[in-house]
Amino acid sequence: MLNLKKVNVQFVYENISDKSDFETGALFPDGRVLVDIDGISLYDCVPTDYPDLYVVNLDVNDVDHLSGKGSEGFIDLITK
């Protein structure tokens, strides 16, 4: 079974980040985070100086690793 950690996720887009707007996500051991914003997405993220806070910088890497893979891609992800 996957050992995921519940974290807060802050997004950066066009060099803007709302410091009070966080999403809840599930951190994978490989450094990616699963979030639900208009559907399930999986992004690369970086830790911050605050425990349980991670940043997804869409200006640097906007790849959703689940994009176009549908529910089967999600099932594959959580059953590995």
PDB file of N, CA and C in Angstrom:
ATOM      1  N   MET A   1       0.843  -1.184   0.000  1.00  0.00           N
ATOM      2  CA  MET A   1       0.000   0.000   0.000  1.00  0.00           C
ATOM      3  C   MET A   1       0.889   1.249   0.000  1.00  0.00           C
ATOM      4  N   LEU A   2       0.448   2.258  -0.709  1.00  0.00           N
ATOM      5  CA  LEU A   2       1.192   3.514  -0.760  1.00  0.00           C
ATOM      6  C   LEU A   2       1.153   4.213   0.586  1.00  0.00           C
ATOM      7  N   ASN A   3       2.269   4.820   0.934  1.00  0.00           N
ATOM      8  CA  ASN A   3       2.331   5.613   2.154  1.00  0.00           C
ATOM      9  C   ASN A   3       2.353   7.082   1.742  1.00  0.00           C
ATOM     10  N   LEU A   4       1.157   7.683   1.624  1.00  0.00           N
ATOM     11  CA  LEU A   4       1.043   9.069   1.196  1.00  0.00           C
ATOM     12  C   LEU A   4       0.895   9.969   2.409  1.00  0.00           C
ATOM     13  N   LYS A   5       1.401  11.179   2.279  1.00  0.00           N
ATOM     14  CA  LYS A   5       1.327  12.163   3.351  1.00  0.00           C
ATOM     15  C   LYS A   5       0.393  13.293   2.923  1.00  0.00           C
ATOM     16  N   LYS A   6      -0.534  13.680   3.799  1.00  0.00           N
ATOM     17  CA  LYS A   6      -1.432  14.789   3.518  1.00  0.00           C
ATOM     18  C   LYS A   6      -0.671  16.095   3.737  1.00  0.00           C
ATOM     19  N   VAL A   7      -0.683  16.968   2.710  1.00  0.00           N
ATOM     20  CA  VAL A   7       0.077  18.222   2.762  1.00  0.00           C
ATOM     21  C   VAL A   7      -0.770  19.373   2.220  1.00  0.00           C
ATOM     22  N   ASN A   8      -0.291  20.583   2.467  1.00  0.00           N
ATOM     23  CA  ASN A   8      -0.865  21.773   1.851  1.00  0.00           C
ATOM     24  C   ASN A   8      -0.040  22.107   0.623  1.00  0.00           C
ATOM     25  N   VAL A   9      -0.707  22.543  -0.429  1.00  0.00           N
ATOM     26  CA  VAL A   9      -0.039  22.833  -1.695  1.00  0.00           C
ATOM     27  C   VAL A   9      -0.345  24.266  -2.104  1.00  0.00           C
ATOM     28  N   GLN A  10       0.708  24.978  -2.459  1.00  0.00           N
ATOM     29  CA  GLN A  10       0.577  26.341  -2.952  1.00  0.00           C
ATOM     30  C   GLN A  10       1.034  26.354  -4.403  1.00  0.00           C
ATOM     31  N   PHE A  11       0.261  26.979  -5.266  1.00  0.00           N
ATOM     32  CA  PHE A  11       0.584  27.047  -6.685  1.00  0.00           C
ATOM     33  C   PHE A  11       1.157  28.412  -7.036  1.00  0.00           C
ATOM     34  N   VAL A  12       2.118  28.415  -7.945  1.00  0.00           N
ATOM     35  CA  VAL A  12       2.674  29.639  -8.515  1.00  0.00           C
ATOM     36  C   VAL A  12       2.355  29.613 -10.003  1.00  0.00           C
ATOM     37  N   TYR A  13       1.785  30.711 -10.494  1.00  0.00           N
ATOM     38  CA  TYR A  13       1.473  30.828 -11.911  1.00  0.00           C
ATOM     39  C   TYR A  13       1.695  32.273 -12.331  1.00  0.00           C
ATOM     40  N   GLU A  14       2.482  32.470 -13.375  1.00  0.00           N
ATOM     41  CA  GLU A  14       2.865  33.794 -13.856  1.00  0.00           C
ATOM     42  C   GLU A  14       3.477  34.614 -12.723  1.00  0.00           C
ATOM     43  N   ASN A  15       4.356  33.975 -11.980  1.00  0.00           N
ATOM     44  CA  ASN A  15       5.067  34.575 -10.841  1.00  0.00           C
ATOM     45  C   ASN A  15       4.148  35.085  -9.739  1.00  0.00           C
ATOM     46  N   ILE A  16       2.920  34.611  -9.714  1.00  0.00           N
ATOM     47  CA  ILE A  16       1.965  35.040  -8.691  1.00  0.00           C
ATOM     48  C   ILE A  16       1.542  33.832  -7.873  1.00  0.00           C
ATOM     49  N   SER A  17       1.514  34.043  -6.561  1.00  0.00           N
ATOM     50  CA  SER A  17       1.048  33.019  -5.653  1.00  0.00           C
ATOM     51  C   SER A  17       0.249  33.701  -4.551  1.00  0.00           C
ATOM     52  N   ASP A  18      -0.966  33.270  -4.371  1.00  0.00           N
ATOM     53  CA  ASP A  18      -1.802  33.819  -3.308  1.00  0.00           C
ATOM     54  C   ASP A  18      -1.387  33.154  -2.001  1.00  0.00           C
ATOM     55  N   LYS A  19      -0.759  33.904  -1.126  1.00  0.00           N
ATOM     56  CA  LYS A  19      -0.204  33.354   0.115  1.00  0.00           C
ATOM     57  C   LYS A  19      -1.257  32.777   1.049  1.00  0.00           C
ATOM     58  N   SER A  20      -2.519  33.075   0.805  1.00  0.00           N
ATOM     59  CA  SER A  20      -3.572  32.558   1.698  1.00  0.00           C
ATOM     60  C   SER A  20      -4.404  31.459   1.043  1.00  0.00           C
ATOM     61  N   ASP A  21      -4.074  31.115  -0.194  1.00  0.00           N
ATOM     62  CA  ASP A  21      -4.856  30.127  -0.932  1.00  0.00           C
ATOM     63  C   ASP A  21      -4.061  28.835  -1.087  1.00  0.00           C
ATOM     64  N   PHE A  22      -4.442  27.820  -0.306  1.00  0.00           N
ATOM     65  CA  PHE A  22      -3.770  26.533  -0.351  1.00  0.00           C
ATOM     66  C   PHE A  22      -4.768  25.455  -0.729  1.00  0.00           C
ATOM     67  N   GLU A  23      -4.267  24.417  -1.345  1.00  0.00           N
ATOM     68  CA  GLU A  23      -5.060  23.236  -1.653  1.00  0.00           C
ATOM     69  C   GLU A  23      -4.513  22.083  -0.818  1.00  0.00           C
ATOM     70  N   THR A  24      -5.369  21.130  -0.511  1.00  0.00           N
ATOM     71  CA  THR A  24      -4.926  19.929   0.168  1.00  0.00           C
ATOM     72  C   THR A  24      -4.476  18.919  -0.880  1.00  0.00           C
ATOM     73  N   GLY A  25      -3.378  18.262  -0.601  1.00  0.00           N
ATOM     74  CA  GLY A  25      -2.863  17.281  -1.536  1.00  0.00           C
ATOM     75  C   GLY A  25      -2.303  16.073  -0.826  1.00  0.00           C
ATOM     76  N   ALA A  26      -1.968  15.076  -1.615  1.00  0.00           N
ATOM     77  CA  ALA A  26      -1.348  13.859  -1.104  1.00  0.00           C
ATOM     78  C   ALA A  26       0.040  13.757  -1.720  1.00  0.00           C
ATOM     79  N   LEU A  27       1.058  13.772  -0.869  1.00  0.00           N
ATOM     80  CA  LEU A  27       2.444  13.739  -1.319  1.00  0.00           C
ATOM     81  C   LEU A  27       2.899  12.299  -1.512  1.00  0.00           C
ATOM     82  N   PHE A  28       3.400  12.011  -2.709  1.00  0.00           N
ATOM     83  CA  PHE A  28       3.949  10.700  -3.015  1.00  0.00           C
ATOM     84  C   PHE A  28       5.417  10.661  -2.606  1.00  0.00           C
ATOM     85  N   PRO A  29       5.935   9.492  -2.297  1.00  0.00           N
ATOM     86  CA  PRO A  29       7.350   9.372  -1.909  1.00  0.00           C
ATOM     87  C   PRO A  29       8.324   9.877  -2.972  1.00  0.00           C
ATOM     88  N   ASP A  30       7.907   9.909  -4.228  1.00  0.00           N
ATOM     89  CA  ASP A  30       8.806  10.352  -5.305  1.00  0.00           C
ATOM     90  C   ASP A  30       8.810  11.865  -5.506  1.00  0.00           C
ATOM     91  N   GLY A  31       8.129  12.627  -4.634  1.00  0.00           N
ATOM     92  CA  GLY A  31       8.172  14.083  -4.721  1.00  0.00           C
ATOM     93  C   GLY A  31       7.099  14.700  -5.597  1.00  0.00           C
ATOM     94  N   ARG A  32       6.094  13.923  -5.935  1.00  0.00           N
ATOM     95  CA  ARG A  32       4.967  14.480  -6.685  1.00  0.00           C
ATOM     96  C   ARG A  32       3.775  14.571  -5.752  1.00  0.00           C
ATOM     97  N   VAL A  33       2.850  15.468  -6.098  1.00  0.00           N
ATOM     98  CA  VAL A  33       1.694  15.688  -5.239  1.00  0.00           C
ATOM     99  C   VAL A  33       0.409  15.536  -6.056  1.00  0.00           C
ATOM    100  N   LEU A  34      -0.543  14.849  -5.453  1.00  0.00           N
ATOM    101  CA  LEU A  34      -1.852  14.609  -6.063  1.00  0.00           C
ATOM    102  C   LEU A  34      -2.826  15.641  -5.502  1.00  0.00           C
ATOM    103  N   VAL A  35      -3.488  16.395  -6.368  1.00  0.00           N
ATOM    104  CA  VAL A  35      -4.449  17.412  -5.951  1.00  0.00           C
ATOM    105  C   VAL A  35      -5.731  17.271  -6.761  1.00  0.00           C
ATOM    106  N   ASP A  36      -6.807  17.813  -6.217  1.00  0.00           N
ATOM    107  CA  ASP A  36      -8.096  17.801  -6.916  1.00  0.00           C
ATOM    108  C   ASP A  36      -8.549  19.238  -7.141  1.00  0.00           C
ATOM    109  N   ILE A  37      -8.222  19.751  -8.327  1.00  0.00           N
ATOM    110  CA  ILE A  37      -8.667  21.083  -8.742  1.00  0.00           C
ATOM    111  C   ILE A  37      -9.299  20.893 -10.105  1.00  0.00           C
ATOM    112  N   ASP A  38     -10.603  20.885 -10.155  1.00  0.00           N
ATOM    113  CA  ASP A  38     -11.307  20.598 -11.409  1.00  0.00           C
ATOM    114  C   ASP A  38     -10.892  19.242 -11.969  1.00  0.00           C
ATOM    115  N   GLY A  39     -10.674  18.288 -11.100  1.00  0.00           N
ATOM    116  CA  GLY A  39     -10.258  16.944 -11.483  1.00  0.00           C
ATOM    117  C   GLY A  39      -8.928  16.594 -10.833  1.00  0.00           C
ATOM    118  N   ILE A  40      -8.637  15.322 -10.798  1.00  0.00           N
ATOM    119  CA  ILE A  40      -7.416  14.843 -10.159  1.00  0.00           C
ATOM    120  C   ILE A  40      -6.205  15.130 -11.050  1.00  0.00           C
ATOM    121  N   SER A  41      -5.170  15.720 -10.443  1.00  0.00           N
ATOM    122  CA  SER A  41      -3.936  16.038 -11.160  1.00  0.00           C
ATOM    123  C   SER A  41      -2.746  15.616 -10.316  1.00  0.00           C
ATOM    124  N   LEU A  42      -1.637  15.338 -10.979  1.00  0.00           N
ATOM    125  CA  LEU A  42      -0.407  14.936 -10.311  1.00  0.00           C
ATOM    126  C   LEU A  42       0.727  15.816 -10.827  1.00  0.00           C
ATOM    127  N   TYR A  43       1.313  16.597  -9.918  1.00  0.00           N
ATOM    128  CA  TYR A  43       2.358  17.548 -10.290  1.00  0.00           C
ATOM    129  C   TYR A  43       3.645  17.301  -9.519  1.00  0.00           C
ATOM    130  N   ASP A  44       4.772  17.708 -10.123  1.00  0.00           N
ATOM    131  CA  ASP A  44       6.029  17.776  -9.396  1.00  0.00           C
ATOM    132  C   ASP A  44       5.919  18.944  -8.421  1.00  0.00           C
ATOM    133  N   CYS A  45       6.548  18.799  -7.265  1.00  0.00           N
ATOM    134  CA  CYS A  45       6.485  19.865  -6.275  1.00  0.00           C
ATOM    135  C   CYS A  45       7.812  19.966  -5.540  1.00  0.00           C
ATOM    136  N   VAL A  46       7.986  21.049  -4.812  1.00  0.00           N
ATOM    137  CA  VAL A  46       9.190  21.241  -4.002  1.00  0.00           C
ATOM    138  C   VAL A  46       8.768  21.577  -2.579  1.00  0.00           C
ATOM    139  N   PRO A  47       9.547  21.102  -1.609  1.00  0.00           N
ATOM    140  CA  PRO A  47       9.226  21.425  -0.218  1.00  0.00           C
ATOM    141  C   PRO A  47       9.571  22.879   0.092  1.00  0.00           C
ATOM    142  N   THR A  48       9.016  23.390   1.158  1.00  0.00           N
ATOM    143  CA  THR A  48       9.327  24.742   1.633  1.00  0.00           C
ATOM    144  C   THR A  48       9.968  24.616   3.016  1.00  0.00           C
ATOM    145  N   ASP A  49      10.250  25.745   3.627  1.00  0.00           N
ATOM    146  CA  ASP A  49      10.802  25.749   4.981  1.00  0.00           C
ATOM    147  C   ASP A  49       9.752  25.373   6.022  1.00  0.00           C
ATOM    148  N   TYR A  50       8.488  25.325   5.601  1.00  0.00           N
ATOM    149  CA  TYR A  50       7.397  24.981   6.508  1.00  0.00           C
ATOM    150  C   TYR A  50       7.027  23.510   6.335  1.00  0.00           C
ATOM    151  N   PRO A  51       6.927  22.801   7.451  1.00  0.00           N
ATOM    152  CA  PRO A  51       6.524  21.392   7.336  1.00  0.00           C
ATOM    153  C   PRO A  51       5.133  21.288   6.714  1.00  0.00           C
ATOM    154  N   ASP A  52       4.963  20.313   5.886  1.00  0.00           N
ATOM    155  CA  ASP A  52       3.664  20.026   5.263  1.00  0.00           C
ATOM    156  C   ASP A  52       3.203  21.078   4.258  1.00  0.00           C
ATOM    157  N   LEU A  53       4.105  21.953   3.784  1.00  0.00           N
ATOM    158  CA  LEU A  53       3.765  22.917   2.743  1.00  0.00           C
ATOM    159  C   LEU A  53       4.691  22.698   1.554  1.00  0.00           C
ATOM    160  N   TYR A  54       4.078  22.476   0.385  1.00  0.00           N
ATOM    161  CA  TYR A  54       4.816  22.218  -0.845  1.00  0.00           C
ATOM    162  C   TYR A  54       4.342  23.177  -1.921  1.00  0.00           C
ATOM    163  N   VAL A  55       5.233  23.493  -2.852  1.00  0.00           N
ATOM    164  CA  VAL A  55       4.927  24.438  -3.925  1.00  0.00           C
ATOM    165  C   VAL A  55       4.951  23.727  -5.266  1.00  0.00           C
ATOM    166  N   VAL A  56       3.927  23.990  -6.055  1.00  0.00           N
ATOM    167  CA  VAL A  56       3.882  23.571  -7.450  1.00  0.00           C
ATOM    168  C   VAL A  56       4.060  24.845  -8.268  1.00  0.00           C
ATOM    169  N   ASN A  57       5.197  24.964  -8.933  1.00  0.00           N
ATOM    170  CA  ASN A  57       5.488  26.148  -9.726  1.00  0.00           C
ATOM    171  C   ASN A  57       5.148  25.850 -11.179  1.00  0.00           C
ATOM    172  N   LEU A  58       3.999  26.300 -11.603  1.00  0.00           N
ATOM    173  CA  LEU A  58       3.529  26.044 -12.968  1.00  0.00           C
ATOM    174  C   LEU A  58       4.300  26.837 -14.005  1.00  0.00           C
ATOM    175  N   ASP A  59       5.052  27.856 -13.568  1.00  0.00           N
ATOM    176  CA  ASP A  59       5.899  28.609 -14.496  1.00  0.00           C
ATOM    177  C   ASP A  59       7.121  27.787 -14.902  1.00  0.00           C
ATOM    178  N   VAL A  60       7.558  26.898 -14.028  1.00  0.00           N
ATOM    179  CA  VAL A  60       8.741  26.083 -14.282  1.00  0.00           C
ATOM    180  C   VAL A  60       8.354  24.745 -14.898  1.00  0.00           C
ATOM    181  N   ASN A  61       7.304  24.128 -14.371  1.00  0.00           N
ATOM    182  CA  ASN A  61       6.888  22.815 -14.848  1.00  0.00           C
ATOM    183  C   ASN A  61       5.381  22.683 -14.655  1.00  0.00           C
ATOM    184  N   ASP A  62       4.643  22.734 -15.740  1.00  0.00           N
ATOM    185  CA  ASP A  62       3.180  22.658 -15.649  1.00  0.00           C
ATOM    186  C   ASP A  62       2.640  21.302 -16.103  1.00  0.00           C
ATOM    187  N   VAL A  63       3.485  20.284 -16.048  1.00  0.00           N
ATOM    188  CA  VAL A  63       3.093  18.953 -16.514  1.00  0.00           C
ATOM    189  C   VAL A  63       2.225  18.264 -15.470  1.00  0.00           C
ATOM    190  N   ASP A  64       1.011  17.935 -15.881  1.00  0.00           N
ATOM    191  CA  ASP A  64       0.122  17.103 -15.067  1.00  0.00           C
ATOM    192  C   ASP A  64       0.373  15.665 -15.513  1.00  0.00           C
ATOM    193  N   HIS A  65       0.983  14.884 -14.651  1.00  0.00           N
ATOM    194  CA  HIS A  65       1.376  13.518 -15.013  1.00  0.00           C
ATOM    195  C   HIS A  65       0.187  12.582 -15.227  1.00  0.00           C
ATOM    196  N   LEU A  66      -1.018  13.020 -14.901  1.00  0.00           N
ATOM    197  CA  LEU A  66      -2.213  12.206 -15.140  1.00  0.00           C
ATOM    198  C   LEU A  66      -3.028  12.696 -16.326  1.00  0.00           C
ATOM    199  N   SER A  67      -2.641  13.803 -16.911  1.00  0.00           N
ATOM    200  CA  SER A  67      -3.397  14.384 -18.014  1.00  0.00           C
ATOM    201  C   SER A  67      -3.546  13.401 -19.167  1.00  0.00           C
ATOM    202  N   GLY A  68      -4.777  13.188 -19.570  1.00  0.00           N
ATOM    203  CA  GLY A  68      -5.074  12.321 -20.694  1.00  0.00           C
ATOM    204  C   GLY A  68      -5.061  10.838 -20.373  1.00  0.00           C
ATOM    205  N   LYS A  69      -4.788  10.478 -19.125  1.00  0.00           N
ATOM    206  CA  LYS A  69      -4.714   9.067 -18.768  1.00  0.00           C
ATOM    207  C   LYS A  69      -6.002   8.542 -18.154  1.00  0.00           C
ATOM    208  N   GLY A  70      -6.925   9.434 -17.825  1.00  0.00           N
ATOM    209  CA  GLY A  70      -8.228   9.036 -17.313  1.00  0.00           C
ATOM    210  C   GLY A  70      -8.155   8.277 -16.008  1.00  0.00           C
ATOM    211  N   SER A  71      -9.250   7.631 -15.696  1.00  0.00           N
ATOM    212  CA  SER A  71      -9.329   6.917 -14.425  1.00  0.00           C
ATOM    213  C   SER A  71      -8.374   5.725 -14.377  1.00  0.00           C
ATOM    214  N   GLU A  72      -8.078   5.127 -15.517  1.00  0.00           N
ATOM    215  CA  GLU A  72      -7.158   3.995 -15.533  1.00  0.00           C
ATOM    216  C   GLU A  72      -5.753   4.438 -15.113  1.00  0.00           C
ATOM    217  N   GLY A  73      -5.335   5.624 -15.543  1.00  0.00           N
ATOM    218  CA  GLY A  73      -4.037   6.156 -15.134  1.00  0.00           C
ATOM    219  C   GLY A  73      -3.971   6.392 -13.634  1.00  0.00           C
ATOM    220  N   PHE A  74      -5.078   6.861 -13.069  1.00  0.00           N
ATOM    221  CA  PHE A  74      -5.145   7.075 -11.628  1.00  0.00           C
ATOM    222  C   PHE A  74      -5.075   5.741 -10.886  1.00  0.00           C
ATOM    223  N   ILE A  75      -5.817   4.759 -11.355  1.00  0.00           N
ATOM    224  CA  ILE A  75      -5.794   3.434 -10.730  1.00  0.00           C
ATOM    225  C   ILE A  75      -4.389   2.849 -10.804  1.00  0.00           C
ATOM    226  N   ASP A  76      -3.732   2.963 -11.960  1.00  0.00           N
ATOM    227  CA  ASP A  76      -2.371   2.471 -12.099  1.00  0.00           C
ATOM    228  C   ASP A  76      -1.435   3.152 -11.095  1.00  0.00           C
ATOM    229  N   LEU A  77      -1.617   4.441 -10.921  1.00  0.00           N
ATOM    230  CA  LEU A  77      -0.763   5.212 -10.021  1.00  0.00           C
ATOM    231  C   LEU A  77      -0.878   4.726  -8.578  1.00  0.00           C
ATOM    232  N   ILE A  78      -2.078   4.498  -8.115  1.00  0.00           N
ATOM    233  CA  ILE A  78      -2.263   4.157  -6.700  1.00  0.00           C
ATOM    234  C   ILE A  78      -2.115   2.668  -6.410  1.00  0.00           C
ATOM    235  N   THR A  79      -1.991   1.852  -7.440  1.00  0.00           N
ATOM    236  CA  THR A  79      -1.851   0.427  -7.203  1.00  0.00           C
ATOM    237  C   THR A  79      -0.446  -0.094  -7.440  1.00  0.00           C
ATOM    238  N   LYS A  80       0.488   0.794  -7.733  1.00  0.00           N
ATOM    239  CA  LYS A  80       1.883   0.371  -7.954  1.00  0.00           C
ATOM    240  C   LYS A  80       2.552   0.072  -6.645  1.00  0.00           C
TER     241      LYS A  80
END
